[in-house]
Protein backbone atom coordinates (compact mmCIF):
# COMPACT_ATOMS: atom_id res chain seq x y z
CA MET A 1 -182.19 -59.57 -172.77
CA THR A 2 -178.61 -58.57 -173.49
CA LYS A 3 -176.52 -57.01 -170.58
CA ARG A 4 -174.85 -53.67 -171.46
CA GLN A 5 -171.05 -53.46 -171.14
CA PRO A 6 -169.39 -50.36 -169.60
CA PRO A 7 -167.73 -48.12 -172.12
CA SER A 8 -164.07 -48.86 -172.53
CA ILE A 9 -161.45 -46.18 -171.77
CA ARG A 10 -159.49 -45.32 -174.79
CA PRO A 11 -155.68 -45.41 -174.59
CA ALA A 12 -155.44 -41.71 -175.41
CA ALA A 13 -157.73 -40.77 -172.53
CA LEU A 14 -155.78 -43.02 -170.16
CA THR A 15 -152.53 -41.37 -171.19
CA LEU A 16 -154.01 -37.92 -170.61
CA LEU A 17 -155.28 -38.92 -167.19
CA LEU A 18 -151.86 -40.26 -166.23
CA LEU A 19 -150.21 -37.03 -167.36
CA LEU A 20 -152.63 -35.00 -165.26
CA VAL A 21 -151.83 -37.11 -162.19
CA LEU A 22 -148.08 -36.74 -162.75
CA ALA A 23 -148.42 -32.98 -163.27
CA THR A 24 -150.39 -32.70 -160.05
CA LEU A 25 -147.72 -34.63 -158.18
CA PHE A 26 -144.93 -32.56 -159.71
CA PHE A 27 -146.38 -29.10 -159.12
CA GLY A 28 -148.10 -29.90 -155.85
CA TRP A 29 -145.45 -31.97 -154.07
CA LEU A 30 -142.26 -32.74 -155.98
CA ARG A 31 -141.44 -29.21 -157.16
CA PRO A 32 -141.78 -27.60 -153.69
CA MET A 33 -139.60 -30.37 -152.30
CA VAL A 34 -136.94 -29.64 -154.94
CA GLN A 35 -137.06 -25.92 -154.14
CA GLN A 36 -136.80 -26.60 -150.41
CA SER A 37 -133.87 -28.92 -151.05
CA ARG A 38 -132.10 -26.21 -153.05
CA THR A 39 -132.70 -23.69 -150.26
CA LEU A 40 -131.21 -26.06 -147.72
CA ASP A 41 -128.27 -26.71 -150.02
CA ASP A 42 -127.64 -22.97 -150.34
CA SER A 43 -127.72 -22.53 -146.55
CA LEU A 44 -125.37 -25.45 -146.08
CA THR A 45 -123.03 -24.11 -148.76
CA ASN A 46 -122.96 -20.66 -147.11
CA LEU A 47 -122.31 -22.24 -143.73
CA TRP A 48 -119.45 -24.27 -145.17
CA HIS A 49 -117.94 -21.15 -146.71
CA GLN A 50 -118.12 -19.45 -143.30
CA VAL A 51 -116.38 -22.43 -141.72
CA LEU A 52 -113.63 -22.22 -144.31
CA LEU A 53 -113.21 -18.47 -143.74
CA THR A 54 -113.07 -18.99 -139.97
CA ASN A 55 -110.59 -21.80 -140.38
CA SER A 56 -108.27 -19.55 -142.39
CA ALA A 57 -108.77 -16.38 -140.30
CA PHE A 58 -108.16 -17.70 -136.76
CA VAL A 59 -104.94 -19.24 -135.55
CA ALA A 60 -106.83 -21.57 -133.24
CA CYS A 61 -108.54 -23.15 -136.25
CA ALA A 62 -105.41 -23.59 -138.34
CA GLY A 63 -105.04 -27.15 -139.53
CA VAL A 64 -108.52 -28.27 -138.49
CA THR A 65 -109.86 -30.91 -140.86
CA PRO A 66 -112.83 -33.28 -140.73
CA ASP A 67 -110.39 -36.00 -139.65
CA ASN A 68 -109.02 -34.21 -136.57
CA VAL A 69 -111.89 -31.92 -135.58
CA GLU A 70 -112.89 -34.17 -132.66
CA THR A 71 -109.32 -34.23 -131.34
CA ARG A 72 -109.14 -30.45 -131.62
CA ARG A 73 -112.47 -30.09 -129.82
CA GLU A 74 -111.26 -32.20 -126.91
CA ALA A 75 -108.03 -30.19 -126.75
CA MET A 76 -109.97 -26.91 -126.70
CA ASN A 77 -112.23 -28.21 -123.92
CA ARG A 78 -109.16 -29.13 -121.85
CA THR A 79 -107.70 -25.69 -122.48
CA GLN A 80 -110.94 -24.06 -121.41
CA ASP A 81 -110.91 -26.09 -118.18
CA GLU A 82 -107.29 -25.11 -117.52
CA ILE A 83 -108.09 -21.44 -118.08
CA GLY A 84 -111.02 -21.76 -115.68
CA ASP A 85 -108.76 -23.32 -113.04
CA ALA A 86 -106.20 -20.55 -113.54
CA ARG A 87 -108.93 -17.93 -113.16
CA LYS A 88 -110.01 -19.47 -109.85
CA LEU A 89 -106.41 -19.49 -108.63
CA ILE A 90 -105.92 -15.85 -109.60
CA ASP A 91 -109.19 -14.80 -108.00
CA ALA A 92 -108.18 -16.52 -104.76
CA ARG A 93 -104.81 -14.73 -104.75
CA ILE A 94 -106.20 -11.24 -105.36
CA ALA A 95 -109.50 -11.54 -103.48
CA LEU A 96 -110.58 -8.37 -101.66
CA PRO A 97 -112.49 -8.16 -98.36
CA THR A 98 -116.27 -8.20 -98.61
CA ASN A 99 -116.68 -4.57 -97.51
CA VAL A 100 -114.35 -3.38 -100.28
CA ILE A 101 -116.25 -5.41 -102.89
CA GLU A 102 -119.56 -3.98 -101.68
CA ARG A 103 -118.28 -0.42 -101.99
CA LEU A 104 -116.81 -1.17 -105.41
CA GLU A 105 -120.14 -2.46 -106.70
CA ASN A 106 -122.34 0.24 -105.18
CA VAL A 107 -123.00 3.82 -106.24
CA TRP A 108 -120.01 6.13 -105.71
CA GLN A 109 -120.25 8.41 -102.65
CA LEU A 110 -117.50 11.04 -102.43
CA HIS A 111 -118.21 11.99 -98.81
CA ASP A 112 -117.91 8.38 -97.62
CA TYR A 113 -114.65 7.95 -99.49
CA GLN A 114 -113.05 11.11 -98.12
CA ASN A 115 -113.93 10.04 -94.59
CA GLU A 116 -112.39 6.61 -95.18
CA VAL A 117 -109.18 8.16 -96.55
CA GLN A 118 -108.76 10.20 -93.36
CA ILE A 119 -109.48 7.19 -91.14
CA THR A 120 -106.98 5.06 -93.10
CA ALA A 121 -104.29 7.76 -92.88
CA ASP A 122 -104.72 8.02 -89.11
CA ARG A 123 -104.55 4.23 -88.67
CA LEU A 124 -101.41 3.95 -90.79
CA SER A 125 -99.66 6.72 -88.87
CA ALA A 126 -100.56 5.08 -85.57
CA ALA A 127 -99.35 1.68 -86.82
CA ALA A 128 -96.03 3.22 -87.93
CA ARG A 129 -95.47 4.76 -84.50
CA ALA A 130 -96.28 1.45 -82.81
CA ALA A 131 -93.83 -0.40 -85.11
CA HIS A 132 -91.13 2.28 -84.63
CA VAL A 133 -90.99 2.87 -88.38
CA THR A 134 -90.57 6.41 -89.65
CA PHE A 135 -93.23 7.72 -91.99
CA SER A 136 -91.78 10.64 -93.91
CA PRO A 137 -94.04 13.71 -94.10
CA GLY A 138 -96.48 13.32 -96.93
CA VAL A 139 -96.49 9.51 -97.16
CA THR A 140 -100.17 9.26 -96.28
CA ALA A 141 -100.83 12.10 -98.74
CA GLY A 142 -99.96 9.50 -101.37
CA LEU A 143 -103.17 7.63 -100.63
CA PRO A 144 -105.48 7.74 -103.67
CA GLN A 145 -107.44 10.98 -103.97
CA TYR A 146 -110.57 11.75 -105.93
CA SER A 147 -110.39 13.76 -109.14
CA ALA A 148 -113.27 14.92 -111.31
CA GLU A 149 -111.45 13.59 -114.39
CA MET A 150 -111.63 9.98 -113.19
CA ALA A 151 -113.58 7.70 -115.51
CA ASN A 152 -114.50 5.27 -112.73
CA PRO A 153 -114.00 6.68 -109.21
CA ARG A 154 -115.36 3.47 -107.67
CA LEU A 155 -111.91 1.96 -108.32
CA LEU A 156 -110.60 4.30 -105.60
CA TRP A 157 -112.00 1.89 -103.01
CA PRO A 158 -109.74 -1.04 -103.96
CA ARG A 159 -106.88 1.42 -104.57
CA LEU A 160 -107.23 2.71 -101.02
CA PHE A 161 -107.29 -0.80 -99.57
CA LEU A 162 -104.32 -1.98 -101.65
CA SER A 163 -102.34 1.16 -100.76
CA SER A 164 -102.94 0.59 -97.06
CA GLN A 165 -101.76 -3.01 -97.37
CA VAL A 166 -98.65 -1.91 -99.30
CA LEU A 167 -97.81 0.46 -96.43
CA LEU A 168 -98.63 -1.99 -93.64
CA THR A 169 -96.41 -4.72 -95.09
CA PRO A 170 -93.08 -2.86 -94.54
CA LEU A 171 -94.22 -2.01 -91.01
CA GLU A 172 -94.65 -5.71 -90.27
CA CYS A 173 -91.23 -6.38 -91.83
CA LYS A 174 -89.55 -3.76 -89.59
CA VAL A 175 -88.02 -1.54 -92.25
CA SER A 176 -86.51 1.72 -91.01
CA GLU A 177 -88.41 4.30 -93.02
CA VAL A 178 -91.19 4.63 -95.57
CA ARG A 179 -90.51 7.74 -97.64
CA VAL A 180 -92.80 7.91 -100.66
CA LEU A 181 -96.11 6.46 -101.79
CA ARG A 182 -97.30 7.57 -105.22
CA GLN A 183 -100.29 6.37 -107.19
CA LEU A 184 -99.62 5.39 -110.81
CA PRO A 185 -102.22 5.29 -113.60
CA SER A 186 -103.63 1.98 -114.69
CA PRO A 187 -102.26 0.78 -118.05
CA GLU A 188 -104.57 1.49 -120.96
CA ASN A 189 -106.47 -1.40 -122.45
CA SER A 190 -104.67 -2.52 -125.62
CA ASP A 191 -107.99 -3.49 -127.22
CA PRO A 192 -110.66 -0.85 -126.53
CA GLY A 193 -113.30 -3.14 -127.96
CA GLN A 194 -112.75 -5.74 -125.24
CA ILE A 195 -113.46 -5.42 -121.52
CA PRO A 196 -110.44 -6.73 -119.58
CA ALA A 197 -111.02 -9.37 -116.93
CA TYR A 198 -108.87 -7.48 -114.41
CA VAL A 199 -107.82 -3.91 -113.73
CA GLU A 200 -104.22 -3.23 -112.70
CA LEU A 201 -103.75 -0.69 -109.89
CA PRO A 202 -100.02 0.20 -109.64
CA VAL A 203 -98.18 2.30 -107.04
CA HIS A 204 -94.61 3.53 -106.57
CA LEU A 205 -93.02 3.05 -103.16
CA GLU A 206 -89.73 4.24 -101.70
CA LEU A 207 -88.39 2.99 -98.38
CA ALA A 208 -85.18 2.32 -96.50
CA GLY A 209 -84.04 -0.39 -94.14
CA SER A 210 -81.61 -3.17 -93.48
CA VAL A 211 -80.98 -5.80 -96.11
CA ASP A 212 -82.78 -8.40 -94.02
CA SER A 213 -85.89 -6.25 -93.53
CA LEU A 214 -86.09 -5.35 -97.21
CA VAL A 215 -85.62 -8.96 -98.33
CA ARG A 216 -88.41 -9.91 -95.93
CA PHE A 217 -90.59 -7.16 -97.39
CA LEU A 218 -89.98 -8.28 -100.98
CA THR A 219 -90.67 -11.88 -100.01
CA CYS A 220 -93.95 -10.97 -98.35
CA LEU A 221 -95.38 -8.90 -101.19
CA PRO A 222 -96.58 -11.81 -103.38
CA LEU A 223 -97.59 -14.01 -100.43
CA ARG A 224 -101.05 -14.51 -99.02
CA GLY A 225 -102.44 -16.59 -96.18
CA GLU A 226 -100.83 -20.00 -95.82
CA SER A 227 -98.11 -19.08 -98.33
CA PHE A 228 -96.22 -17.40 -95.50
CA ASP A 229 -95.77 -20.75 -93.77
CA ALA A 230 -94.23 -22.27 -96.90
CA VAL A 231 -91.26 -19.88 -96.68
CA GLY A 232 -90.95 -19.94 -92.91
CA LEU A 233 -92.44 -16.49 -92.29
CA PRO A 234 -95.16 -15.67 -89.78
CA VAL A 235 -98.53 -14.92 -91.31
CA VAL A 236 -98.86 -11.15 -91.49
CA LEU A 237 -101.75 -9.08 -92.75
CA THR A 238 -104.24 -11.88 -93.17
CA ASN A 239 -106.33 -9.78 -95.59
CA LYS A 240 -103.36 -8.86 -97.77
CA PRO A 241 -103.79 -9.90 -101.41
CA SER A 242 -100.89 -10.97 -103.57
CA PHE A 243 -98.95 -8.06 -105.03
CA PHE A 244 -96.93 -8.15 -108.22
CA ILE A 245 -93.54 -6.45 -108.42
CA ASN A 246 -92.95 -4.44 -111.59
CA ARG A 247 -89.48 -3.02 -111.00
CA ILE A 248 -86.87 -2.75 -108.25
CA LEU A 249 -84.02 -0.31 -107.69
CA ALA A 250 -81.84 -0.86 -104.60
CA ARG A 251 -78.94 1.39 -103.62
CA LYS A 252 -76.72 1.83 -100.61
CA ALA A 253 -78.01 4.60 -98.40
CA ALA A 254 -74.51 5.90 -97.54
CA PRO A 255 -70.90 4.73 -97.95
CA ASN A 256 -70.43 4.59 -94.19
CA ALA A 257 -73.68 2.65 -93.61
CA PRO A 258 -73.48 -0.50 -95.76
CA GLU A 259 -76.22 -2.18 -93.74
CA LEU A 260 -78.78 0.48 -94.78
CA VAL A 261 -80.34 0.23 -98.26
CA ASN A 262 -82.66 2.55 -100.17
CA LEU A 263 -85.33 0.70 -102.15
CA GLU A 264 -87.56 2.01 -104.93
CA ILE A 265 -90.18 -0.42 -106.12
CA GLY A 266 -93.19 -0.55 -108.42
CA VAL A 267 -96.00 -2.71 -107.06
CA SER A 268 -99.32 -3.64 -108.65
CA GLY A 269 -102.51 -5.06 -107.29
CA PHE A 270 -105.29 -6.41 -109.47
CA VAL A 271 -109.06 -6.38 -109.11
CA PRO A 272 -111.74 -7.93 -111.31
CA THR A 273 -113.28 -5.37 -113.63
CA PRO A 274 -116.25 -4.01 -111.66
CA ARG A 275 -119.78 -4.41 -112.87
CA PRO A 276 -121.89 -1.30 -113.51
CA PRO A 277 -123.37 0.10 -110.28
CA PRO A 278 -127.09 -0.31 -109.57
CA GLU A 279 -129.36 2.43 -110.87
CA ASP A 280 -130.53 5.04 -108.41
CA ASP A 281 -134.22 4.88 -107.58
């Protein structure tokens, strides 16, 4: 009995089968991979174009190349650390008492503020009498007052505190007379689209005294805490923040009184930009 042999596969059929397998691989696996690769290439190309545009648009990126990008990154990290250290130093110099910060961050209450203005005015007048310094009529009227046009009346709280410290400092320095205190508007933000880190609160002050007392006053304005010891002055007004002098005009008070000088000065305090107040329940 003869054993039957399996039918042989013809070359043409084998070729067709191979083509079917290759087509399945191409359409089922290779083609999607090619499309995905092109998509990734497009995303990478777009990202690279954005990098090039950023590199040409920003001064900080000028000259950045693949060869020096790591060096630039390290330099930018160091700069960021230095800016952070400077921010901490500034915050320490201009720090406000806790009660002022709490009022600044809470909902504005006009009645509470008006009461505090009157209390502050009475305390300043009493301190001037005790220091034998003349307060001209109307000096305490220069304390910051509420107006319905104010965009952010909560800033009156730090203004009131800073104004009281500006007036107490010449009392401690034994000037002869404080004549004028006038509130000045805060400078407008040069870039309305950006929220500034700090708000400047400037005032105008006019006073008179001996050269020694006025020099002492000017020296004390930027000092805070232990800084007084560094210049050989007693620590005065332990809560006083550092003030920044904008302008000075000094003149002799009278030809026959060379020891008496009139001083006009612009002084600014700074506070961090307040956060929005909590919502009322």
